Structure formats: C-alpha cells, structure tokens
Amino acid sequence: MAALERVGLLQLAKARGSRLSGGETQRMALARLIAKSHKAL
C-alpha cells in the first residue's frame, strides 16, 4: 500500500490489476519493485 501511494495508485488498490490502462499497469509494476529493497533496478 505504501508503494502504491508513492506511484499514485492507492485509490486503485482494490481494482483488478488486469483491467488497468497501460500507464497504470506500468506504475503498478513499479510499485511491485519499490515495495522491497533491491541493490539494482
């Protein structure tokens, strides 16, 4: 939820991921990455 808030998708947290627009899907994927710590992106 914190990652979704960062990318501006918190309001769509309960929506179906497969029904997002192309841009929203990219932001969801970005949230998936930044929700955890990586040494490289």
ModelCIF file with pLDDT and N, C-alpha, C, O atoms, coordinates in Angstrom:
data_MODEL
#
_entry.id   MODEL 
#
_entity.id                         1 
_entity.type                       polymer 
_entity.pdbx_number_of_molecules   1 
#
_entity_poly.entity_id                      1 
_entity_poly.type                           'polypeptide(L)' 
_entity_poly.nstd_linkage                   no 
_entity_poly.nstd_monomer                   no 
_entity_poly.pdbx_seq_one_letter_code       MAALERVGLLQLAKARGSRLSGGETQRMALARLIAKSHKAL 
_entity_poly.pdbx_seq_one_letter_code_can   MAALERVGLLQLAKARGSRLSGGETQRMALARLIAKSHKAL 
_entity_poly.pdbx_strand_id                 A 
#
loop_
_entity_poly_seq.entity_id 
_entity_poly_seq.num 
_entity_poly_seq.mon_id 
_entity_poly_seq.hetero 
1 1  MET n 
1 2  ALA n 
1 3  ALA n 
1 4  LEU n 
1 5  GLU n 
1 6  ARG n 
1 7  VAL n 
1 8  GLY n 
1 9  LEU n 
1 10 LEU n 
1 11 GLN n 
1 12 LEU n 
1 13 ALA n 
1 14 LYS n 
1 15 ALA n 
1 16 ARG n 
1 17 GLY n 
1 18 SER n 
1 19 ARG n 
1 20 LEU n 
1 21 SER n 
1 22 GLY n 
1 23 GLY n 
1 24 GLU n 
1 25 THR n 
1 26 GLN n 
1 27 ARG n 
1 28 MET n 
1 29 ALA n 
1 30 LEU n 
1 31 ALA n 
1 32 ARG n 
1 33 LEU n 
1 34 ILE n 
1 35 ALA n 
1 36 LYS n 
1 37 SER n 
1 38 HIS n 
1 39 LYS n 
1 40 ALA n 
1 41 LEU n 
#
_struct_asym.id          A 
_struct_asym.entity_id   1 
#
loop_
_ma_qa_metric.id 
_ma_qa_metric.mode 
_ma_qa_metric.name 
_ma_qa_metric.software_group_id 
_ma_qa_metric.type 
1 global pLDDT . pLDDT 
2 local  pLDDT . pLDDT 
#
_ma_qa_metric_global.metric_id      1 
_ma_qa_metric_global.metric_value   94.83 
_ma_qa_metric_global.model_id       1 
_ma_qa_metric_global.ordinal_id     1 
#
loop_
_ma_qa_metric_local.label_asym_id 
_ma_qa_metric_local.label_comp_id 
_ma_qa_metric_local.label_seq_id 
_ma_qa_metric_local.metric_id 
_ma_qa_metric_local.metric_value 
_ma_qa_metric_local.model_id 
_ma_qa_metric_local.ordinal_id 
A MET 1  2 97.00 1 1  
A ALA 2  2 97.00 1 2  
A ALA 3  2 97.00 1 3  
A LEU 4  2 97.00 1 4  
A GLU 5  2 96.00 1 5  
A ARG 6  2 95.00 1 6  
A VAL 7  2 95.00 1 7  
A GLY 8  2 94.00 1 8  
A LEU 9  2 96.00 1 9  
A LEU 10 2 96.00 1 10 
A GLN 11 2 96.00 1 11 
A LEU 12 2 96.00 1 12 
A ALA 13 2 97.00 1 13 
A LYS 14 2 96.00 1 14 
A ALA 15 2 96.00 1 15 
A ARG 16 2 95.00 1 16 
A GLY 17 2 95.00 1 17 
A SER 18 2 92.00 1 18 
A ARG 19 2 93.00 1 19 
A LEU 20 2 93.00 1 20 
A SER 21 2 92.00 1 21 
A GLY 22 2 90.00 1 22 
A GLY 23 2 90.00 1 23 
A GLU 24 2 93.00 1 24 
A THR 25 2 94.00 1 25 
A GLN 26 2 94.00 1 26 
A ARG 27 2 94.00 1 27 
A MET 28 2 96.00 1 28 
A ALA 29 2 95.00 1 29 
A LEU 30 2 96.00 1 30 
A ALA 31 2 96.00 1 31 
A ARG 32 2 95.00 1 32 
A LEU 33 2 95.00 1 33 
A ILE 34 2 96.00 1 34 
A ALA 35 2 95.00 1 35 
A LYS 36 2 93.00 1 36 
A SER 37 2 92.00 1 37 
A HIS 38 2 95.00 1 38 
A LYS 39 2 95.00 1 39 
A ALA 40 2 96.00 1 40 
A LEU 41 2 97.00 1 41 
#
loop_
_atom_site.group_PDB 
_atom_site.id 
_atom_site.type_symbol 
_atom_site.label_atom_id 
_atom_site.label_alt_id 
_atom_site.label_comp_id 
_atom_site.label_asym_id 
_atom_site.label_entity_id 
_atom_site.label_seq_id 
_atom_site.pdbx_PDB_ins_code 
_atom_site.Cartn_x 
_atom_site.Cartn_y 
_atom_site.Cartn_z 
_atom_site.occupancy 
_atom_site.B_iso_or_equiv 
_atom_site.pdbx_formal_charge 
_atom_site.auth_seq_id 
_atom_site.auth_comp_id 
_atom_site.auth_asym_id 
_atom_site.auth_atom_id 
_atom_site.pdbx_PDB_model_num 
ATOM 1   N N  . MET A 1 1  ? 0.835  -1.208 0.000   1.00 97.00 ? 1  MET A N  1 
ATOM 2   C CA . MET A 1 1  ? 0.000  0.000  0.000   1.00 97.00 ? 1  MET A CA 1 
ATOM 3   C C  . MET A 1 1  ? 0.867  1.255  0.000   1.00 97.00 ? 1  MET A C  1 
ATOM 4   O O  . MET A 1 1  ? 0.541  2.230  -0.676  1.00 97.00 ? 1  MET A O  1 
ATOM 5   N N  . ALA A 1 2  ? 1.962  1.241  0.747   1.00 97.00 ? 2  ALA A N  1 
ATOM 6   C CA . ALA A 1 2  ? 2.867  2.401  0.764   1.00 97.00 ? 2  ALA A CA 1 
ATOM 7   C C  . ALA A 1 2  ? 3.484  2.617  -0.607  1.00 97.00 ? 2  ALA A C  1 
ATOM 8   O O  . ALA A 1 2  ? 3.641  3.758  -1.043  1.00 97.00 ? 2  ALA A O  1 
ATOM 9   N N  . ALA A 1 3  ? 3.839  1.527  -1.296  1.00 97.00 ? 3  ALA A N  1 
ATOM 10  C CA . ALA A 1 3  ? 4.416  1.646  -2.637  1.00 97.00 ? 3  ALA A CA 1 
ATOM 11  C C  . ALA A 1 3  ? 3.390  2.171  -3.634  1.00 97.00 ? 3  ALA A C  1 
ATOM 12  O O  . ALA A 1 3  ? 3.720  2.974  -4.507  1.00 97.00 ? 3  ALA A O  1 
ATOM 13  N N  . LEU A 1 4  ? 2.156  1.719  -3.504  1.00 97.00 ? 4  LEU A N  1 
ATOM 14  C CA . LEU A 1 4  ? 1.093  2.211  -4.385  1.00 97.00 ? 4  LEU A CA 1 
ATOM 15  C C  . LEU A 1 4  ? 0.839  3.695  -4.163  1.00 97.00 ? 4  LEU A C  1 
ATOM 16  O O  . LEU A 1 4  ? 0.573  4.434  -5.111  1.00 97.00 ? 4  LEU A O  1 
ATOM 17  N N  . GLU A 1 5  ? 0.922  4.126  -2.921  1.00 96.00 ? 5  GLU A N  1 
ATOM 18  C CA . GLU A 1 5  ? 0.738  5.549  -2.638  1.00 96.00 ? 5  GLU A CA 1 
ATOM 19  C C  . GLU A 1 5  ? 1.846  6.372  -3.304  1.00 96.00 ? 5  GLU A C  1 
ATOM 20  O O  . GLU A 1 5  ? 1.593  7.464  -3.813  1.00 96.00 ? 5  GLU A O  1 
ATOM 21  N N  . ARG A 1 6  ? 3.059  5.848  -3.299  1.00 95.00 ? 6  ARG A N  1 
ATOM 22  C CA . ARG A 1 6  ? 4.184  6.563  -3.902  1.00 95.00 ? 6  ARG A CA 1 
ATOM 23  C C  . ARG A 1 6  ? 3.997  6.782  -5.402  1.00 95.00 ? 6  ARG A C  1 
ATOM 24  O O  . ARG A 1 6  ? 4.404  7.809  -5.944  1.00 95.00 ? 6  ARG A O  1 
ATOM 25  N N  . VAL A 1 7  ? 3.379  5.806  -6.062  1.00 95.00 ? 7  VAL A N  1 
ATOM 26  C CA . VAL A 1 7  ? 3.220  5.934  -7.512  1.00 95.00 ? 7  VAL A CA 1 
ATOM 27  C C  . VAL A 1 7  ? 1.838  6.468  -7.889  1.00 95.00 ? 7  VAL A C  1 
ATOM 28  O O  . VAL A 1 7  ? 1.487  6.509  -9.068  1.00 95.00 ? 7  VAL A O  1 
ATOM 29  N N  . GLY A 1 8  ? 1.059  6.877  -6.891  1.00 94.00 ? 8  GLY A N  1 
ATOM 30  C CA . GLY A 1 8  ? -0.236 7.493  -7.156  1.00 94.00 ? 8  GLY A CA 1 
ATOM 31  C C  . GLY A 1 8  ? -1.341 6.535  -7.530  1.00 94.00 ? 8  GLY A C  1 
ATOM 32  O O  . GLY A 1 8  ? -2.258 6.910  -8.261  1.00 94.00 ? 8  GLY A O  1 
ATOM 33  N N  . LEU A 1 9  ? -1.278 5.288  -7.041  1.00 96.00 ? 9  LEU A N  1 
ATOM 34  C CA . LEU A 1 9  ? -2.305 4.297  -7.379  1.00 96.00 ? 9  LEU A CA 1 
ATOM 35  C C  . LEU A 1 9  ? -3.059 3.781  -6.159  1.00 96.00 ? 9  LEU A C  1 
ATOM 36  O O  . LEU A 1 9  ? -3.762 2.774  -6.247  1.00 96.00 ? 9  LEU A O  1 
ATOM 37  N N  . LEU A 1 10 ? -2.924 4.450  -5.037  1.00 96.00 ? 10 LEU A N  1 
ATOM 38  C CA . LEU A 1 10 ? -3.555 3.964  -3.814  1.00 96.00 ? 10 LEU A CA 1 
ATOM 39  C C  . LEU A 1 10 ? -5.061 3.817  -3.984  1.00 96.00 ? 10 LEU A C  1 
ATOM 40  O O  . LEU A 1 10 ? -5.659 2.896  -3.428  1.00 96.00 ? 10 LEU A O  1 
ATOM 41  N N  . GLN A 1 11 ? -5.678 4.711  -4.745  1.00 96.00 ? 11 GLN A N  1 
ATOM 42  C CA . GLN A 1 11 ? -7.130 4.674  -4.925  1.00 96.00 ? 11 GLN A CA 1 
ATOM 43  C C  . GLN A 1 11 ? -7.576 3.475  -5.759  1.00 96.00 ? 11 GLN A C  1 
ATOM 44  O O  . GLN A 1 11 ? -8.762 3.147  -5.785  1.00 96.00 ? 11 GLN A O  1 
ATOM 45  N N  . LEU A 1 12 ? -6.637 2.820  -6.441  1.00 96.00 ? 12 LEU A N  1 
ATOM 46  C CA . LEU A 1 12 ? -6.975 1.661  -7.267  1.00 96.00 ? 12 LEU A CA 1 
ATOM 47  C C  . LEU A 1 12 ? -6.500 0.353  -6.637  1.00 96.00 ? 12 LEU A C  1 
ATOM 48  O O  . LEU A 1 12 ? -6.420 -0.668 -7.320  1.00 96.00 ? 12 LEU A O  1 
ATOM 49  N N  . ALA A 1 13 ? -6.188 0.374  -5.359  1.00 97.00 ? 13 ALA A N  1 
ATOM 50  C CA . ALA A 1 13 ? -5.634 -0.807 -4.695  1.00 97.00 ? 13 ALA A CA 1 
ATOM 51  C C  . ALA A 1 13 ? -6.550 -2.024 -4.803  1.00 97.00 ? 13 ALA A C  1 
ATOM 52  O O  . ALA A 1 13 ? -6.067 -3.153 -4.890  1.00 97.00 ? 13 ALA A O  1 
ATOM 53  N N  . LYS A 1 14 ? -7.858 -1.810 -4.800  1.00 96.00 ? 14 LYS A N  1 
ATOM 54  C CA . LYS A 1 14 ? -8.797 -2.934 -4.841  1.00 96.00 ? 14 LYS A CA 1 
ATOM 55  C C  . LYS A 1 14 ? -9.260 -3.271 -6.255  1.00 96.00 ? 14 LYS A C  1 
ATOM 56  O O  . LYS A 1 14 ? -9.978 -4.252 -6.452  1.00 96.00 ? 14 LYS A O  1 
ATOM 57  N N  . ALA A 1 15 ? -8.860 -2.472 -7.236  1.00 96.00 ? 15 ALA A N  1 
ATOM 58  C CA . ALA A 1 15 ? -9.245 -2.744 -8.626  1.00 96.00 ? 15 ALA A CA 1 
ATOM 59  C C  . ALA A 1 15 ? -8.508 -3.970 -9.153  1.00 96.00 ? 15 ALA A C  1 
ATOM 60  O O  . ALA A 1 15 ? -7.485 -4.373 -8.598  1.00 96.00 ? 15 ALA A O  1 
ATOM 61  N N  . ARG A 1 16 ? -9.028 -4.559 -10.222 1.00 95.00 ? 16 ARG A N  1 
ATOM 62  C CA . ARG A 1 16 ? -8.356 -5.704 -10.819 1.00 95.00 ? 16 ARG A CA 1 
ATOM 63  C C  . ARG A 1 16 ? -7.136 -5.234 -11.608 1.00 95.00 ? 16 ARG A C  1 
ATOM 64  O O  . ARG A 1 16 ? -7.234 -4.346 -12.455 1.00 95.00 ? 16 ARG A O  1 
ATOM 65  N N  . GLY A 1 17 ? -5.995 -5.838 -11.319 1.00 95.00 ? 17 GLY A N  1 
ATOM 66  C CA . GLY A 1 17 ? -4.766 -5.428 -11.985 1.00 95.00 ? 17 GLY A CA 1 
ATOM 67  C C  . GLY A 1 17 ? -4.798 -5.627 -13.479 1.00 95.00 ? 17 GLY A C  1 
ATOM 68  O O  . GLY A 1 17 ? -4.181 -4.858 -14.216 1.00 95.00 ? 17 GLY A O  1 
ATOM 69  N N  . SER A 1 18 ? -5.504 -6.644 -13.946 1.00 92.00 ? 18 SER A N  1 
ATOM 70  C CA . SER A 1 18 ? -5.546 -6.948 -15.374 1.00 92.00 ? 18 SER A CA 1 
ATOM 71  C C  . SER A 1 18 ? -6.411 -5.980 -16.159 1.00 92.00 ? 18 SER A C  1 
ATOM 72  O O  . SER A 1 18 ? -6.435 -6.039 -17.388 1.00 92.00 ? 18 SER A O  1 
ATOM 73  N N  . ARG A 1 19 ? -7.128 -5.083 -15.475 1.00 93.00 ? 19 ARG A N  1 
ATOM 74  C CA . ARG A 1 19 ? -8.019 -4.148 -16.154 1.00 93.00 ? 19 ARG A CA 1 
ATOM 75  C C  . ARG A 1 19 ? -7.502 -2.709 -16.124 1.00 93.00 ? 19 ARG A C  1 
ATOM 76  O O  . ARG A 1 19 ? -8.227 -1.777 -16.473 1.00 93.00 ? 19 ARG A O  1 
ATOM 77  N N  . LEU A 1 20 ? -6.271 -2.535 -15.715 1.00 93.00 ? 20 LEU A N  1 
ATOM 78  C CA . LEU A 1 20 ? -5.688 -1.201 -15.685 1.00 93.00 ? 20 LEU A CA 1 
ATOM 79  C C  . LEU A 1 20 ? -5.290 -0.760 -17.092 1.00 93.00 ? 20 LEU A C  1 
ATOM 80  O O  . LEU A 1 20 ? -5.135 -1.582 -17.995 1.00 93.00 ? 20 LEU A O  1 
ATOM 81  N N  . SER A 1 21 ? -5.131 0.537  -17.258 1.00 92.00 ? 21 SER A N  1 
ATOM 82  C CA . SER A 1 21 ? -4.610 1.056  -18.521 1.00 92.00 ? 21 SER A CA 1 
ATOM 83  C C  . SER A 1 21 ? -3.121 0.732  -18.608 1.00 92.00 ? 21 SER A C  1 
ATOM 84  O O  . SER A 1 21 ? -2.521 0.265  -17.640 1.00 92.00 ? 21 SER A O  1 
ATOM 85  N N  . GLY A 1 22 ? -2.533 0.983  -19.773 1.00 90.00 ? 22 GLY A N  1 
ATOM 86  C CA . GLY A 1 22 ? -1.111 0.706  -19.945 1.00 90.00 ? 22 GLY A CA 1 
ATOM 87  C C  . GLY A 1 22 ? -0.236 1.477  -18.974 1.00 90.00 ? 22 GLY A C  1 
ATOM 88  O O  . GLY A 1 22 ? 0.696  0.923  -18.391 1.00 90.00 ? 22 GLY A O  1 
ATOM 89  N N  . GLY A 1 23 ? -0.540 2.761  -18.802 1.00 90.00 ? 23 GLY A N  1 
ATOM 90  C CA . GLY A 1 23 ? 0.234  3.582  -17.883 1.00 90.00 ? 23 GLY A CA 1 
ATOM 91  C C  . GLY A 1 23 ? 0.058  3.160  -16.440 1.00 90.00 ? 23 GLY A C  1 
ATOM 92  O O  . GLY A 1 23 ? 1.014  3.170  -15.665 1.00 90.00 ? 23 GLY A O  1 
ATOM 93  N N  . GLU A 1 24 ? -1.174 2.783  -16.071 1.00 93.00 ? 24 GLU A N  1 
ATOM 94  C CA . GLU A 1 24 ? -1.433 2.322  -14.705 1.00 93.00 ? 24 GLU A CA 1 
ATOM 95  C C  . GLU A 1 24 ? -0.734 0.990  -14.434 1.00 93.00 ? 24 GLU A C  1 
ATOM 96  O O  . GLU A 1 24 ? -0.238 0.751  -13.333 1.00 93.00 ? 24 GLU A O  1 
ATOM 97  N N  . THR A 1 25 ? -0.702 0.127  -15.450 1.00 94.00 ? 25 THR A N  1 
ATOM 98  C CA . THR A 1 25 ? -0.012 -1.153 -15.288 1.00 94.00 ? 25 THR A CA 1 
ATOM 99  C C  . THR A 1 25 ? 1.477  -0.940 -15.061 1.00 94.00 ? 25 THR A C  1 
ATOM 100 O O  . THR A 1 25 ? 2.091  -1.638 -14.254 1.00 94.00 ? 25 THR A O  1 
ATOM 101 N N  . GLN A 1 26 ? 2.059  0.025  -15.770 1.00 94.00 ? 26 GLN A N  1 
ATOM 102 C CA . GLN A 1 26 ? 3.470  0.332  -15.557 1.00 94.00 ? 26 GLN A CA 1 
ATOM 103 C C  . GLN A 1 26 ? 3.714  0.826  -14.137 1.00 94.00 ? 26 GLN A C  1 
ATOM 104 O O  . GLN A 1 26 ? 4.692  0.433  -13.501 1.00 94.00 ? 26 GLN A O  1 
ATOM 105 N N  . ARG A 1 27 ? 2.833  1.681  -13.640 1.00 94.00 ? 27 ARG A N  1 
ATOM 106 C CA . ARG A 1 27 ? 3.012  2.188  -12.272 1.00 94.00 ? 27 ARG A CA 1 
ATOM 107 C C  . ARG A 1 27 ? 2.799  1.090  -11.242 1.00 94.00 ? 27 ARG A C  1 
ATOM 108 O O  . ARG A 1 27 ? 3.465  1.081  -10.207 1.00 94.00 ? 27 ARG A O  1 
ATOM 109 N N  . MET A 1 28 ? 1.884  0.168  -11.506 1.00 96.00 ? 28 MET A N  1 
ATOM 110 C CA . MET A 1 28 ? 1.695  -0.965 -10.606 1.00 96.00 ? 28 MET A CA 1 
ATOM 111 C C  . MET A 1 28 ? 2.959  -1.823 -10.569 1.00 96.00 ? 28 MET A C  1 
ATOM 112 O O  . MET A 1 28 ? 3.384  -2.271 -9.504  1.00 96.00 ? 28 MET A O  1 
ATOM 113 N N  . ALA A 1 29 ? 3.553  -2.049 -11.739 1.00 95.00 ? 29 ALA A N  1 
ATOM 114 C CA . ALA A 1 29 ? 4.786  -2.837 -11.803 1.00 95.00 ? 29 ALA A CA 1 
ATOM 115 C C  . ALA A 1 29 ? 5.924  -2.126 -11.083 1.00 95.00 ? 29 ALA A C  1 
ATOM 116 O O  . ALA A 1 29 ? 6.754  -2.765 -10.436 1.00 95.00 ? 29 ALA A O  1 
ATOM 117 N N  . LEU A 1 30 ? 5.959  -0.808 -11.198 1.00 96.00 ? 30 LEU A N  1 
ATOM 118 C CA . LEU A 1 30 ? 6.972  -0.046 -10.489 1.00 96.00 ? 30 LEU A CA 1 
ATOM 119 C C  . LEU A 1 30 ? 6.778  -0.165 -8.979  1.00 96.00 ? 30 LEU A C  1 
ATOM 120 O O  . LEU A 1 30 ? 7.742  -0.320 -8.230  1.00 96.00 ? 30 LEU A O  1 
ATOM 121 N N  . ALA A 1 31 ? 5.522  -0.092 -8.542  1.00 96.00 ? 31 ALA A N  1 
ATOM 122 C CA . ALA A 1 31 ? 5.232  -0.266 -7.117  1.00 96.00 ? 31 ALA A CA 1 
ATOM 123 C C  . ALA A 1 31 ? 5.697  -1.637 -6.642  1.00 96.00 ? 31 ALA A C  1 
ATOM 124 O O  . ALA A 1 31 ? 6.210  -1.772 -5.531  1.00 96.00 ? 31 ALA A O  1 
ATOM 125 N N  . ARG A 1 32 ? 5.517  -2.657 -7.482  1.00 95.00 ? 32 ARG A N  1 
ATOM 126 C CA . ARG A 1 32 ? 5.951  -4.010 -7.128  1.00 95.00 ? 32 ARG A CA 1 
ATOM 127 C C  . ARG A 1 32 ? 7.462  -4.058 -6.894  1.00 95.00 ? 32 ARG A C  1 
ATOM 128 O O  . ARG A 1 32 ? 7.935  -4.797 -6.030  1.00 95.00 ? 32 ARG A O  1 
ATOM 129 N N  . LEU A 1 33 ? 8.212  -3.278 -7.658  1.00 95.00 ? 33 LEU A N  1 
ATOM 130 C CA . LEU A 1 33 ? 9.666  -3.234 -7.496  1.00 95.00 ? 33 LEU A CA 1 
ATOM 131 C C  . LEU A 1 33 ? 10.082 -2.465 -6.248  1.00 95.00 ? 33 LEU A C  1 
ATOM 132 O O  . LEU A 1 33 ? 10.925 -2.927 -5.479  1.00 95.00 ? 33 LEU A O  1 
ATOM 133 N N  . ILE A 1 34 ? 9.485  -1.287 -6.048  1.00 96.00 ? 34 ILE A N  1 
ATOM 134 C CA . ILE A 1 34 ? 9.955  -0.430 -4.958  1.00 96.00 ? 34 ILE A CA 1 
ATOM 135 C C  . ILE A 1 34 ? 9.345  -0.794 -3.610  1.00 96.00 ? 34 ILE A C  1 
ATOM 136 O O  . ILE A 1 34 ? 9.664  -0.174 -2.596  1.00 96.00 ? 34 ILE A O  1 
ATOM 137 N N  . ALA A 1 35 ? 8.469  -1.798 -3.594  1.00 95.00 ? 35 ALA A N  1 
ATOM 138 C CA . ALA A 1 35 ? 7.896  -2.252 -2.319  1.00 95.00 ? 35 ALA A CA 1 
ATOM 139 C C  . ALA A 1 35 ? 8.924  -3.017 -1.494  1.00 95.00 ? 35 ALA A C  1 
ATOM 140 O O  . ALA A 1 35 ? 8.722  -3.231 -0.299  1.00 95.00 ? 35 ALA A O  1 
ATOM 141 N N  . LYS A 1 36 ? 10.025 -3.430 -2.122  1.00 93.00 ? 36 LYS A N  1 
ATOM 142 C CA . LYS A 1 36 ? 11.073 -4.147 -1.391  1.00 93.00 ? 36 LYS A CA 1 
ATOM 143 C C  . LYS A 1 36 ? 12.429 -3.569 -1.782  1.00 93.00 ? 36 LYS A C  1 
ATOM 144 O O  . LYS A 1 36 ? 12.539 -2.824 -2.756  1.00 93.00 ? 36 LYS A O  1 
ATOM 145 N N  . SER A 1 37 ? 13.437 -3.912 -1.027  1.00 92.00 ? 37 SER A N  1 
ATOM 146 C CA . SER A 1 37 ? 14.768 -3.357 -1.264  1.00 92.00 ? 37 SER A CA 1 
ATOM 147 C C  . SER A 1 37 ? 15.519 -4.179 -2.306  1.00 92.00 ? 37 SER A C  1 
ATOM 148 O O  . SER A 1 37 ? 15.568 -5.406 -2.224  1.00 92.00 ? 37 SER A O  1 
ATOM 149 N N  . HIS A 1 38 ? 16.101 -3.492 -3.283  1.00 95.00 ? 38 HIS A N  1 
ATOM 150 C CA . HIS A 1 38 ? 16.957 -4.104 -4.288  1.00 95.00 ? 38 HIS A CA 1 
ATOM 151 C C  . HIS A 1 38 ? 18.289 -3.361 -4.312  1.00 95.00 ? 38 HIS A C  1 
ATOM 152 O O  . HIS A 1 38 ? 18.359 -2.180 -3.973  1.00 95.00 ? 38 HIS A O  1 
ATOM 153 N N  . LYS A 1 39 ? 19.321 -4.053 -4.709  1.00 95.00 ? 39 LYS A N  1 
ATOM 154 C CA . LYS A 1 39 ? 20.609 -3.393 -4.891  1.00 95.00 ? 39 LYS A CA 1 
ATOM 155 C C  . LYS A 1 39 ? 20.739 -2.781 -6.279  1.00 95.00 ? 39 LYS A C  1 
ATOM 156 O O  . LYS A 1 39 ? 21.577 -1.908 -6.502  1.00 95.00 ? 39 LYS A O  1 
ATOM 157 N N  . ALA A 1 40 ? 19.907 -3.241 -7.212  1.00 96.00 ? 40 ALA A N  1 
ATOM 158 C CA . ALA A 1 40 ? 19.911 -2.677 -8.564  1.00 96.00 ? 40 ALA A CA 1 
ATOM 159 C C  . ALA A 1 40 ? 18.513 -2.794 -9.155  1.00 96.00 ? 40 ALA A C  1 
ATOM 160 O O  . ALA A 1 40 ? 17.815 -3.785 -8.942  1.00 96.00 ? 40 ALA A O  1 
ATOM 161 N N  . LEU A 1 41 ? 18.117 -1.770 -9.897  1.00 97.00 ? 41 LEU A N  1 
ATOM 162 C CA . LEU A 1 41 ? 16.851 -1.776 -10.622 1.00 97.00 ? 41 LEU A CA 1 
ATOM 163 C C  . LEU A 1 41 ? 17.127 -1.589 -12.101 1.00 97.00 ? 41 LEU A C  1 
ATOM 164 O O  . LEU A 1 41 ? 16.194 -1.563 -12.904 1.00 97.00 ? 41 LEU A O  1 
#
